[in-house]
Amino acid sequence: MKRVSLFLAAFVVLVSLAYWWEEKGAKDNFSGTKEVSIYDAKKLGTLEKISFTSFSIKVEKEEFFLENGQKLDKKKVEKLLSALSDINIRRELKSDNIESYIKEKKSLSFSFEHGVLHFYLGEKLEYSREFYMLVKMEIRGKKSQRLVIAYDRKPAEGIYFEKDEKTTPLPYKRFRSWFFKDKIYFEKDKS
């Protein structure tokens, strides 16, 4: 009887340890899919210019101007920068056929003290809130490009069914709208 009790106690301890080990491992693996930022501001230096497909915004002493010198609404430009900082990379893809992921020609480019970043938005994935994005970089003369699956970590605002929370297109559409902004949006209100 003692042997059975001892064996049962050892079995319970081993099962508990295995359960704890597996649960801890699963949590570590889940947190292992760490959020990766799109760019490293320390390597790039100070922001100098933001370029859209049809116009550019110059940055001078924390103020924003069109190329003709017209001063822009600082809060609106900072909204763009905030939206970009909410985008993180889920994973990088290896592909020779980038055109199948990135179909739109609209881009956002950011010129920094030590380099340039170009963002090309791709399609939203059907099964999640994530989307494809091509990031072309030139940092200190070194060129590279990354095809990534990115996501907007900001919560989806709006009305949608709870079952659609993981696939809602709202965060993608919110970020995509920045690629289509006109310079009129950034102008100061004249009131």
N, C-alpha and C. Protein backbone atom coordinates (compact mmCIF):
# COMPACT_ATOMS: atom_id res chain seq x y z
N MET A 1 0.82 -1.18 0.00
CA MET A 1 0.00 0.00 0.00
C MET A 1 0.88 1.26 0.00
N LYS A 2 1.98 1.21 0.78
CA LYS A 2 2.89 2.36 0.81
C LYS A 2 3.49 2.62 -0.57
N ARG A 3 3.83 1.52 -1.24
CA ARG A 3 4.40 1.66 -2.57
C ARG A 3 3.43 2.33 -3.53
N VAL A 4 2.19 1.95 -3.47
CA VAL A 4 1.17 2.52 -4.34
C VAL A 4 1.00 4.01 -4.01
N SER A 5 0.97 4.35 -2.73
CA SER A 5 0.83 5.75 -2.31
C SER A 5 2.03 6.56 -2.77
N LEU A 6 3.22 6.00 -2.58
CA LEU A 6 4.44 6.67 -2.99
C LEU A 6 4.47 6.85 -4.51
N PHE A 7 4.09 5.80 -5.23
CA PHE A 7 4.04 5.87 -6.69
C PHE A 7 3.01 6.92 -7.15
N LEU A 8 1.86 6.93 -6.49
CA LEU A 8 0.81 7.89 -6.82
C LEU A 8 1.27 9.33 -6.54
N ALA A 9 1.95 9.54 -5.43
CA ALA A 9 2.46 10.87 -5.08
C ALA A 9 3.51 11.31 -6.11
N ALA A 10 4.42 10.41 -6.48
CA ALA A 10 5.45 10.73 -7.47
C ALA A 10 4.80 11.04 -8.83
N PHE A 11 3.76 10.27 -9.17
CA PHE A 11 3.05 10.51 -10.42
C PHE A 11 2.40 11.89 -10.43
N VAL A 12 1.75 12.26 -9.33
CA VAL A 12 1.09 13.57 -9.22
C VAL A 12 2.13 14.68 -9.33
N VAL A 13 3.27 14.52 -8.68
CA VAL A 13 4.33 15.53 -8.75
C VAL A 13 4.85 15.66 -10.18
N LEU A 14 5.09 14.52 -10.84
CA LEU A 14 5.60 14.56 -12.21
C LEU A 14 4.59 15.18 -13.17
N VAL A 15 3.31 14.84 -13.03
CA VAL A 15 2.28 15.42 -13.88
C VAL A 15 2.18 16.91 -13.62
N SER A 16 2.25 17.32 -12.35
CA SER A 16 2.20 18.74 -12.02
C SER A 16 3.39 19.49 -12.62
N LEU A 17 4.58 18.91 -12.51
CA LEU A 17 5.76 19.53 -13.09
C LEU A 17 5.65 19.61 -14.62
N ALA A 18 5.18 18.54 -15.24
CA ALA A 18 5.03 18.55 -16.70
C ALA A 18 4.00 19.60 -17.12
N TYR A 19 2.90 19.68 -16.40
CA TYR A 19 1.87 20.66 -16.71
C TYR A 19 2.43 22.08 -16.56
N TRP A 20 3.11 22.31 -15.44
CA TRP A 20 3.70 23.64 -15.20
C TRP A 20 4.72 23.97 -16.29
N TRP A 21 5.56 22.99 -16.65
CA TRP A 21 6.59 23.20 -17.66
C TRP A 21 5.97 23.52 -19.01
N GLU A 22 4.95 22.77 -19.41
CA GLU A 22 4.28 22.99 -20.69
C GLU A 22 3.56 24.34 -20.71
N GLU A 23 2.87 24.65 -19.63
CA GLU A 23 2.16 25.94 -19.57
C GLU A 23 3.15 27.10 -19.63
N LYS A 24 4.23 27.02 -18.88
CA LYS A 24 5.24 28.07 -18.90
C LYS A 24 5.86 28.18 -20.28
N GLY A 25 6.14 27.03 -20.90
CA GLY A 25 6.71 27.04 -22.25
C GLY A 25 5.77 27.66 -23.25
N ALA A 26 4.49 27.35 -23.13
CA ALA A 26 3.51 27.92 -24.05
C ALA A 26 3.41 29.42 -23.87
N LYS A 27 3.44 29.89 -22.62
CA LYS A 27 3.39 31.33 -22.37
C LYS A 27 4.63 32.01 -22.91
N ASP A 28 5.80 31.38 -22.72
CA ASP A 28 7.04 31.96 -23.23
C ASP A 28 7.03 32.00 -24.75
N ASN A 29 6.52 30.93 -25.37
CA ASN A 29 6.45 30.92 -26.84
C ASN A 29 5.49 31.98 -27.34
N PHE A 30 4.37 32.16 -26.63
CA PHE A 30 3.41 33.16 -27.05
C PHE A 30 4.02 34.55 -26.94
N SER A 31 4.68 34.81 -25.82
CA SER A 31 5.31 36.12 -25.68
C SER A 31 6.55 36.22 -26.57
N GLY A 32 7.02 35.07 -27.08
CA GLY A 32 8.16 35.08 -27.98
C GLY A 32 7.83 35.71 -29.32
N THR A 33 6.55 35.77 -29.68
CA THR A 33 6.18 36.47 -30.89
C THR A 33 6.14 37.95 -30.54
N LYS A 34 7.30 38.47 -30.30
CA LYS A 34 7.41 39.83 -29.81
C LYS A 34 7.06 40.84 -30.89
N GLU A 35 6.62 41.98 -30.45
CA GLU A 35 6.31 43.06 -31.36
C GLU A 35 7.62 43.67 -31.84
N VAL A 36 7.70 43.85 -33.14
CA VAL A 36 8.89 44.44 -33.73
C VAL A 36 8.46 45.73 -34.40
N SER A 37 9.16 46.78 -34.09
CA SER A 37 8.84 48.07 -34.70
C SER A 37 9.31 48.08 -36.14
N ILE A 38 8.71 48.92 -36.94
CA ILE A 38 9.06 49.00 -38.36
C ILE A 38 10.45 49.59 -38.56
N TYR A 39 10.81 50.55 -37.75
CA TYR A 39 12.09 51.22 -37.93
C TYR A 39 12.73 51.54 -36.59
N ASP A 40 14.02 51.76 -36.61
CA ASP A 40 14.78 52.12 -35.42
C ASP A 40 15.16 53.59 -35.53
N ALA A 41 14.47 54.43 -34.77
CA ALA A 41 14.68 55.88 -34.84
C ALA A 41 16.11 56.27 -34.50
N LYS A 42 16.77 55.51 -33.65
CA LYS A 42 18.14 55.85 -33.26
C LYS A 42 19.10 55.75 -34.44
N LYS A 43 18.88 54.76 -35.31
CA LYS A 43 19.76 54.60 -36.47
C LYS A 43 19.50 55.67 -37.53
N LEU A 44 18.26 56.12 -37.61
CA LEU A 44 17.88 57.04 -38.68
C LEU A 44 18.14 58.50 -38.38
N GLY A 45 18.11 58.87 -37.12
CA GLY A 45 18.33 60.27 -36.77
C GLY A 45 17.05 61.08 -36.84
N THR A 46 17.18 62.35 -37.11
CA THR A 46 16.07 63.30 -37.08
C THR A 46 15.25 63.23 -38.36
N LEU A 47 13.93 63.32 -38.22
CA LEU A 47 13.04 63.35 -39.37
C LEU A 47 13.18 64.68 -40.09
N GLU A 48 13.35 64.63 -41.43
CA GLU A 48 13.53 65.85 -42.21
C GLU A 48 12.38 66.10 -43.19
N LYS A 49 11.77 65.02 -43.72
CA LYS A 49 10.74 65.21 -44.73
C LYS A 49 9.82 63.99 -44.79
N ILE A 50 8.53 64.25 -45.05
CA ILE A 50 7.54 63.20 -45.26
C ILE A 50 7.01 63.39 -46.67
N SER A 51 7.09 62.34 -47.49
CA SER A 51 6.66 62.45 -48.88
C SER A 51 5.48 61.52 -49.16
N PHE A 52 4.43 62.10 -49.72
CA PHE A 52 3.29 61.35 -50.21
C PHE A 52 3.48 61.19 -51.71
N THR A 53 2.56 60.54 -52.37
CA THR A 53 2.68 60.36 -53.81
C THR A 53 2.65 61.70 -54.54
N SER A 54 1.84 62.66 -54.06
CA SER A 54 1.67 63.91 -54.80
C SER A 54 2.20 65.17 -54.13
N PHE A 55 2.69 65.08 -52.91
CA PHE A 55 3.23 66.26 -52.22
C PHE A 55 4.17 65.83 -51.11
N SER A 56 4.91 66.80 -50.56
CA SER A 56 5.87 66.53 -49.48
C SER A 56 5.67 67.53 -48.34
N ILE A 57 6.07 67.08 -47.15
CA ILE A 57 6.03 67.93 -45.96
C ILE A 57 7.46 68.03 -45.42
N LYS A 58 7.95 69.26 -45.29
CA LYS A 58 9.28 69.48 -44.71
C LYS A 58 9.16 69.66 -43.20
N VAL A 59 10.17 69.19 -42.49
CA VAL A 59 10.21 69.33 -41.03
C VAL A 59 11.35 70.27 -40.68
N GLU A 60 11.01 71.36 -39.98
CA GLU A 60 12.03 72.32 -39.54
C GLU A 60 11.72 72.74 -38.12
N LYS A 61 12.63 72.44 -37.21
CA LYS A 61 12.50 72.85 -35.81
C LYS A 61 11.13 72.49 -35.23
N GLU A 62 10.75 71.22 -35.41
CA GLU A 62 9.49 70.68 -34.88
C GLU A 62 8.25 71.35 -35.44
N GLU A 63 8.38 71.99 -36.57
CA GLU A 63 7.25 72.57 -37.30
C GLU A 63 7.20 71.90 -38.67
N PHE A 64 6.02 71.91 -39.29
CA PHE A 64 5.82 71.21 -40.55
C PHE A 64 5.35 72.19 -41.62
N PHE A 65 5.95 72.08 -42.82
CA PHE A 65 5.68 73.01 -43.91
C PHE A 65 5.52 72.25 -45.23
N LEU A 66 4.70 72.78 -46.12
CA LEU A 66 4.69 72.29 -47.50
C LEU A 66 5.94 72.79 -48.18
N GLU A 67 6.25 72.27 -49.35
CA GLU A 67 7.45 72.69 -50.05
C GLU A 67 7.42 74.17 -50.44
N ASN A 68 6.22 74.75 -50.57
CA ASN A 68 6.12 76.18 -50.90
C ASN A 68 6.25 77.07 -49.65
N GLY A 69 6.49 76.47 -48.47
CA GLY A 69 6.69 77.23 -47.24
C GLY A 69 5.45 77.41 -46.39
N GLN A 70 4.29 76.94 -46.86
CA GLN A 70 3.05 77.08 -46.10
C GLN A 70 3.10 76.20 -44.85
N LYS A 71 2.84 76.83 -43.70
CA LYS A 71 2.88 76.12 -42.42
C LYS A 71 1.66 75.21 -42.30
N LEU A 72 1.88 74.01 -41.77
CA LEU A 72 0.82 73.01 -41.65
C LEU A 72 0.39 72.82 -40.19
N ASP A 73 -0.74 72.19 -40.02
CA ASP A 73 -1.28 71.91 -38.70
C ASP A 73 -0.44 70.81 -38.04
N LYS A 74 0.27 71.17 -37.01
CA LYS A 74 1.19 70.25 -36.34
C LYS A 74 0.48 69.03 -35.78
N LYS A 75 -0.72 69.22 -35.24
CA LYS A 75 -1.47 68.10 -34.64
C LYS A 75 -1.83 67.05 -35.69
N LYS A 76 -2.17 67.49 -36.88
CA LYS A 76 -2.54 66.54 -37.93
C LYS A 76 -1.34 65.73 -38.41
N VAL A 77 -0.19 66.38 -38.53
CA VAL A 77 1.01 65.66 -38.94
C VAL A 77 1.43 64.70 -37.83
N GLU A 78 1.31 65.12 -36.59
CA GLU A 78 1.64 64.24 -35.47
C GLU A 78 0.70 63.04 -35.39
N LYS A 79 -0.55 63.20 -35.85
CA LYS A 79 -1.47 62.05 -35.93
C LYS A 79 -0.93 61.00 -36.89
N LEU A 80 -0.38 61.46 -38.02
CA LEU A 80 0.23 60.55 -38.98
C LEU A 80 1.40 59.80 -38.35
N LEU A 81 2.26 60.54 -37.68
CA LEU A 81 3.43 59.92 -37.04
C LEU A 81 3.00 58.94 -35.95
N SER A 82 1.96 59.28 -35.22
CA SER A 82 1.43 58.39 -34.19
C SER A 82 0.85 57.13 -34.82
N ALA A 83 0.12 57.29 -35.93
CA ALA A 83 -0.45 56.12 -36.62
C ALA A 83 0.66 55.19 -37.09
N LEU A 84 1.74 55.75 -37.58
CA LEU A 84 2.86 54.93 -38.03
C LEU A 84 3.52 54.21 -36.85
N SER A 85 3.61 54.88 -35.72
CA SER A 85 4.24 54.24 -34.56
C SER A 85 3.39 53.12 -33.98
N ASP A 86 2.08 53.08 -34.34
CA ASP A 86 1.20 52.00 -33.89
C ASP A 86 1.30 50.76 -34.77
N ILE A 87 2.05 50.84 -35.86
CA ILE A 87 2.19 49.70 -36.77
C ILE A 87 3.42 48.89 -36.36
N ASN A 88 3.20 47.62 -36.14
CA ASN A 88 4.29 46.71 -35.79
C ASN A 88 4.35 45.56 -36.79
N ILE A 89 5.47 44.90 -36.83
CA ILE A 89 5.69 43.78 -37.74
C ILE A 89 5.41 42.48 -36.99
N ARG A 90 4.57 41.65 -37.58
CA ARG A 90 4.32 40.32 -37.02
C ARG A 90 5.43 39.37 -37.47
N ARG A 91 5.73 39.40 -38.78
CA ARG A 91 6.84 38.56 -39.27
C ARG A 91 7.27 39.05 -40.65
N GLU A 92 8.47 38.66 -41.03
CA GLU A 92 9.03 39.02 -42.32
C GLU A 92 8.86 37.84 -43.27
N LEU A 93 8.53 38.13 -44.51
CA LEU A 93 8.34 37.08 -45.51
C LEU A 93 9.50 37.08 -46.48
N LYS A 94 9.82 35.91 -46.98
CA LYS A 94 10.83 35.77 -48.03
C LYS A 94 10.07 35.52 -49.32
N SER A 95 10.18 36.45 -50.27
CA SER A 95 9.45 36.29 -51.51
C SER A 95 10.16 36.99 -52.66
N ASP A 96 10.17 36.33 -53.80
CA ASP A 96 10.69 36.94 -55.01
C ASP A 96 9.58 37.61 -55.79
N ASN A 97 8.34 37.31 -55.44
CA ASN A 97 7.18 37.81 -56.16
C ASN A 97 6.45 38.86 -55.33
N ILE A 98 7.11 39.97 -55.06
CA ILE A 98 6.56 41.02 -54.21
C ILE A 98 5.31 41.64 -54.83
N GLU A 99 5.27 41.71 -56.16
CA GLU A 99 4.13 42.33 -56.84
C GLU A 99 2.81 41.64 -56.51
N SER A 100 2.84 40.36 -56.19
CA SER A 100 1.60 39.66 -55.86
C SER A 100 1.07 40.07 -54.49
N TYR A 101 1.90 40.65 -53.65
CA TYR A 101 1.49 41.10 -52.32
C TYR A 101 1.21 42.61 -52.29
N ILE A 102 1.98 43.37 -53.06
CA ILE A 102 1.87 44.83 -53.06
C ILE A 102 1.39 45.27 -54.43
N LYS A 103 0.12 45.63 -54.51
CA LYS A 103 -0.46 45.98 -55.81
C LYS A 103 -0.64 47.48 -55.99
N GLU A 104 -0.83 48.21 -54.90
CA GLU A 104 -1.03 49.66 -55.00
C GLU A 104 0.30 50.37 -55.17
N LYS A 105 0.28 51.44 -55.90
CA LYS A 105 1.49 52.23 -56.13
C LYS A 105 1.61 53.41 -55.17
N LYS A 106 0.60 53.61 -54.32
CA LYS A 106 0.66 54.70 -53.34
C LYS A 106 1.75 54.35 -52.32
N SER A 107 2.48 55.38 -51.91
CA SER A 107 3.55 55.14 -50.93
C SER A 107 3.64 56.32 -49.96
N LEU A 108 4.26 56.04 -48.85
CA LEU A 108 4.65 57.06 -47.88
C LEU A 108 6.15 56.93 -47.70
N SER A 109 6.85 58.05 -47.77
CA SER A 109 8.30 58.02 -47.58
C SER A 109 8.68 59.00 -46.48
N PHE A 110 9.64 58.59 -45.70
CA PHE A 110 10.14 59.41 -44.60
C PHE A 110 11.64 59.57 -44.77
N SER A 111 12.08 60.82 -44.93
CA SER A 111 13.51 61.10 -45.07
C SER A 111 14.04 61.54 -43.72
N PHE A 112 15.10 60.89 -43.30
CA PHE A 112 15.73 61.17 -42.02
C PHE A 112 17.15 61.68 -42.25
N GLU A 113 17.76 62.06 -41.18
CA GLU A 113 19.14 62.55 -41.20
C GLU A 113 20.09 61.53 -41.83
N HIS A 114 19.87 60.23 -41.52
CA HIS A 114 20.79 59.19 -41.98
C HIS A 114 20.17 58.18 -42.94
N GLY A 115 18.97 58.47 -43.45
CA GLY A 115 18.38 57.49 -44.37
C GLY A 115 16.96 57.83 -44.77
N VAL A 116 16.40 56.93 -45.57
CA VAL A 116 15.05 57.10 -46.09
C VAL A 116 14.30 55.79 -45.93
N LEU A 117 13.02 55.89 -45.55
CA LEU A 117 12.13 54.73 -45.47
C LEU A 117 10.97 54.95 -46.44
N HIS A 118 10.65 53.93 -47.22
CA HIS A 118 9.52 53.97 -48.13
C HIS A 118 8.56 52.84 -47.73
N PHE A 119 7.29 53.17 -47.58
CA PHE A 119 6.28 52.19 -47.20
C PHE A 119 5.28 52.02 -48.33
N TYR A 120 5.07 50.78 -48.74
CA TYR A 120 4.08 50.44 -49.75
C TYR A 120 3.10 49.47 -49.10
N LEU A 121 1.84 49.85 -49.09
CA LEU A 121 0.82 49.06 -48.40
C LEU A 121 0.28 47.98 -49.33
N GLY A 122 0.16 46.76 -48.78
CA GLY A 122 -0.41 45.64 -49.53
C GLY A 122 -1.83 45.35 -49.09
N GLU A 123 -2.29 44.17 -49.41
CA GLU A 123 -3.64 43.76 -49.10
C GLU A 123 -3.75 43.30 -47.65
N LYS A 124 -4.97 43.38 -47.11
CA LYS A 124 -5.27 42.86 -45.78
C LYS A 124 -5.44 41.35 -45.87
N LEU A 125 -4.96 40.64 -44.87
CA LEU A 125 -5.16 39.20 -44.83
C LEU A 125 -6.62 38.91 -44.47
N GLU A 126 -7.20 37.91 -45.09
CA GLU A 126 -8.62 37.61 -44.87
C GLU A 126 -8.89 37.05 -43.47
N TYR A 127 -7.95 36.32 -42.90
CA TYR A 127 -8.19 35.60 -41.66
C TYR A 127 -7.73 36.36 -40.41
N SER A 128 -7.24 37.59 -40.56
CA SER A 128 -6.80 38.35 -39.39
C SER A 128 -6.86 39.85 -39.70
N ARG A 129 -6.44 40.65 -38.75
CA ARG A 129 -6.39 42.11 -38.92
C ARG A 129 -5.07 42.55 -39.56
N GLU A 130 -4.20 41.62 -39.85
CA GLU A 130 -2.87 41.93 -40.36
C GLU A 130 -2.92 42.21 -41.86
N PHE A 131 -1.83 42.81 -42.37
CA PHE A 131 -1.76 43.16 -43.78
C PHE A 131 -0.31 43.10 -44.25
N TYR A 132 -0.16 43.01 -45.56
CA TYR A 132 1.17 43.00 -46.17
C TYR A 132 1.67 44.43 -46.32
N MET A 133 2.97 44.60 -46.16
CA MET A 133 3.58 45.90 -46.38
C MET A 133 5.02 45.68 -46.84
N LEU A 134 5.40 46.47 -47.82
CA LEU A 134 6.79 46.46 -48.30
C LEU A 134 7.48 47.68 -47.70
N VAL A 135 8.61 47.45 -47.05
CA VAL A 135 9.39 48.53 -46.46
C VAL A 135 10.74 48.56 -47.16
N LYS A 136 10.99 49.64 -47.90
CA LYS A 136 12.29 49.82 -48.55
C LYS A 136 13.07 50.82 -47.71
N MET A 137 14.32 50.49 -47.43
CA MET A 137 15.14 51.33 -46.57
C MET A 137 16.47 51.65 -47.23
N GLU A 138 16.93 52.83 -46.98
CA GLU A 138 18.30 53.21 -47.33
C GLU A 138 18.85 53.93 -46.12
N ILE A 139 19.73 53.25 -45.40
CA ILE A 139 20.30 53.80 -44.17
C ILE A 139 21.80 53.87 -44.34
N ARG A 140 22.31 55.11 -44.31
CA ARG A 140 23.75 55.37 -44.48
C ARG A 140 24.30 54.71 -45.74
N GLY A 141 23.53 54.83 -46.83
CA GLY A 141 23.96 54.30 -48.12
C GLY A 141 23.67 52.83 -48.34
N LYS A 142 23.24 52.11 -47.33
CA LYS A 142 22.96 50.68 -47.46
C LYS A 142 21.47 50.49 -47.75
N LYS A 143 21.16 49.86 -48.91
CA LYS A 143 19.78 49.66 -49.32
C LYS A 143 19.30 48.25 -48.94
N SER A 144 18.03 48.18 -48.56
CA SER A 144 17.41 46.89 -48.29
C SER A 144 15.91 47.02 -48.44
N GLN A 145 15.25 45.90 -48.53
CA GLN A 145 13.80 45.92 -48.56
C GLN A 145 13.29 44.69 -47.81
N ARG A 146 12.13 44.87 -47.18
CA ARG A 146 11.53 43.81 -46.38
C ARG A 146 10.05 43.72 -46.72
N LEU A 147 9.60 42.55 -47.08
CA LEU A 147 8.18 42.28 -47.23
C LEU A 147 7.72 41.71 -45.90
N VAL A 148 6.78 42.39 -45.27
CA VAL A 148 6.38 42.00 -43.92
C VAL A 148 4.87 41.84 -43.81
N ILE A 149 4.48 41.10 -42.78
CA ILE A 149 3.09 41.10 -42.35
C ILE A 149 3.05 42.01 -41.14
N ALA A 150 2.28 43.07 -41.27
CA ALA A 150 2.22 44.09 -40.22
C ALA A 150 0.81 44.15 -39.64
N TYR A 151 0.69 44.84 -38.53
CA TYR A 151 -0.62 45.03 -37.91
C TYR A 151 -0.63 46.34 -37.14
N ASP A 152 -1.82 46.86 -36.97
CA ASP A 152 -2.03 48.08 -36.20
C ASP A 152 -2.40 47.65 -34.79
N ARG A 153 -1.55 47.96 -33.83
CA ARG A 153 -1.80 47.50 -32.45
C ARG A 153 -2.84 48.36 -31.73
N LYS A 154 -3.24 49.45 -32.35
CA LYS A 154 -4.28 50.30 -31.77
C LYS A 154 -5.61 49.56 -31.88
N PRO A 155 -6.48 49.65 -30.87
CA PRO A 155 -7.75 48.92 -30.93
C PRO A 155 -8.62 49.41 -32.09
N ALA A 156 -9.44 48.49 -32.58
CA ALA A 156 -10.37 48.82 -33.66
C ALA A 156 -11.51 49.63 -33.08
N GLU A 157 -11.71 50.82 -33.60
CA GLU A 157 -12.80 51.66 -33.14
C GLU A 157 -13.93 51.55 -34.14
N GLY A 158 -15.11 51.39 -33.66
CA GLY A 158 -16.25 51.29 -34.55
C GLY A 158 -17.19 50.20 -34.10
N ILE A 159 -18.20 49.96 -34.89
CA ILE A 159 -19.20 48.96 -34.55
C ILE A 159 -18.97 47.74 -35.42
N TYR A 160 -18.80 46.60 -34.79
CA TYR A 160 -18.64 45.33 -35.49
C TYR A 160 -19.04 44.22 -34.53
N PHE A 161 -19.35 43.07 -35.09
CA PHE A 161 -19.74 41.93 -34.27
C PHE A 161 -18.52 41.39 -33.53
N GLU A 162 -18.76 40.91 -32.32
CA GLU A 162 -17.66 40.38 -31.51
C GLU A 162 -16.93 39.26 -32.22
N LYS A 163 -17.67 38.43 -32.96
CA LYS A 163 -17.05 37.31 -33.68
C LYS A 163 -16.10 37.80 -34.78
N ASP A 164 -16.28 39.04 -35.23
CA ASP A 164 -15.44 39.60 -36.28
C ASP A 164 -14.25 40.40 -35.74
N GLU A 165 -14.06 40.42 -34.44
CA GLU A 165 -13.01 41.24 -33.83
C GLU A 165 -11.63 40.91 -34.38
N LYS A 166 -11.34 39.64 -34.59
CA LYS A 166 -10.00 39.25 -35.04
C LYS A 166 -9.78 39.45 -36.54
N THR A 167 -10.87 39.69 -37.29
CA THR A 167 -10.73 39.85 -38.74
C THR A 167 -11.23 41.20 -39.25
N THR A 168 -11.66 42.07 -38.36
CA THR A 168 -12.22 43.36 -38.79
C THR A 168 -11.22 44.14 -39.64
N PRO A 169 -11.69 44.74 -40.73
CA PRO A 169 -10.79 45.53 -41.58
C PRO A 169 -10.60 46.97 -41.08
N LEU A 170 -11.24 47.35 -40.00
CA LEU A 170 -11.20 48.75 -39.55
C LEU A 170 -9.78 49.27 -39.29
N PRO A 171 -8.92 48.55 -38.55
CA PRO A 171 -7.56 49.09 -38.34
C PRO A 171 -6.78 49.23 -39.65
N TYR A 172 -6.96 48.27 -40.56
CA TYR A 172 -6.28 48.34 -41.87
C TYR A 172 -6.77 49.55 -42.65
N LYS A 173 -8.07 49.75 -42.70
CA LYS A 173 -8.64 50.88 -43.44
C LYS A 173 -8.21 52.21 -42.82
N ARG A 174 -8.12 52.24 -41.48
CA ARG A 174 -7.69 53.47 -40.80
C ARG A 174 -6.26 53.82 -41.21
N PHE A 175 -5.37 52.83 -41.21
CA PHE A 175 -3.98 53.09 -41.60
C PHE A 175 -3.88 53.37 -43.10
N ARG A 176 -4.62 52.65 -43.90
CA ARG A 176 -4.60 52.82 -45.36
C ARG A 176 -5.02 54.24 -45.75
N SER A 177 -5.92 54.83 -44.99
CA SER A 177 -6.40 56.17 -45.33
C SER A 177 -5.26 57.20 -45.35
N TRP A 178 -4.18 56.98 -44.59
CA TRP A 178 -3.06 57.92 -44.58
C TRP A 178 -2.37 57.98 -45.93
N PHE A 179 -2.39 56.89 -46.69
CA PHE A 179 -1.74 56.86 -48.00
C PHE A 179 -2.50 57.72 -49.02
N PHE A 180 -3.74 58.04 -48.72
CA PHE A 180 -4.58 58.77 -49.66
C PHE A 180 -4.87 60.20 -49.20
N LYS A 181 -4.23 60.66 -48.16
CA LYS A 181 -4.46 62.04 -47.68
C LYS A 181 -3.94 63.03 -48.71
N ASP A 182 -4.63 64.14 -48.79
CA ASP A 182 -4.23 65.23 -49.67
C ASP A 182 -3.59 66.32 -48.79
N LYS A 183 -2.84 67.21 -49.39
CA LYS A 183 -2.20 68.26 -48.61
C LYS A 183 -3.22 69.17 -47.94
N ILE A 184 -4.41 69.25 -48.48
CA ILE A 184 -5.48 70.08 -47.87
C ILE A 184 -5.78 69.60 -46.45
N TYR A 185 -5.74 68.29 -46.24
CA TYR A 185 -6.00 67.74 -44.90
C TYR A 185 -5.03 68.33 -43.87
N PHE A 186 -3.78 68.51 -44.23
CA PHE A 186 -2.76 68.95 -43.28
C PHE A 186 -2.71 70.47 -43.09
N GLU A 187 -3.40 71.21 -43.93
CA GLU A 187 -3.36 72.66 -43.83
C GLU A 187 -4.05 73.11 -42.54
N LYS A 188 -3.57 74.24 -42.01
CA LYS A 188 -4.19 74.82 -40.80
C LYS A 188 -5.59 75.31 -41.14
N ASP A 189 -6.49 75.14 -40.18
CA ASP A 189 -7.84 75.67 -40.36
C ASP A 189 -7.76 77.19 -40.41
N LYS A 190 -8.51 77.76 -41.26
CA LYS A 190 -8.45 79.21 -41.45
C LYS A 190 -9.43 79.95 -40.54
N SER A 191 -10.05 79.25 -39.62
CA SER A 191 -11.04 79.91 -38.73
C SER A 191 -10.42 80.58 -37.54
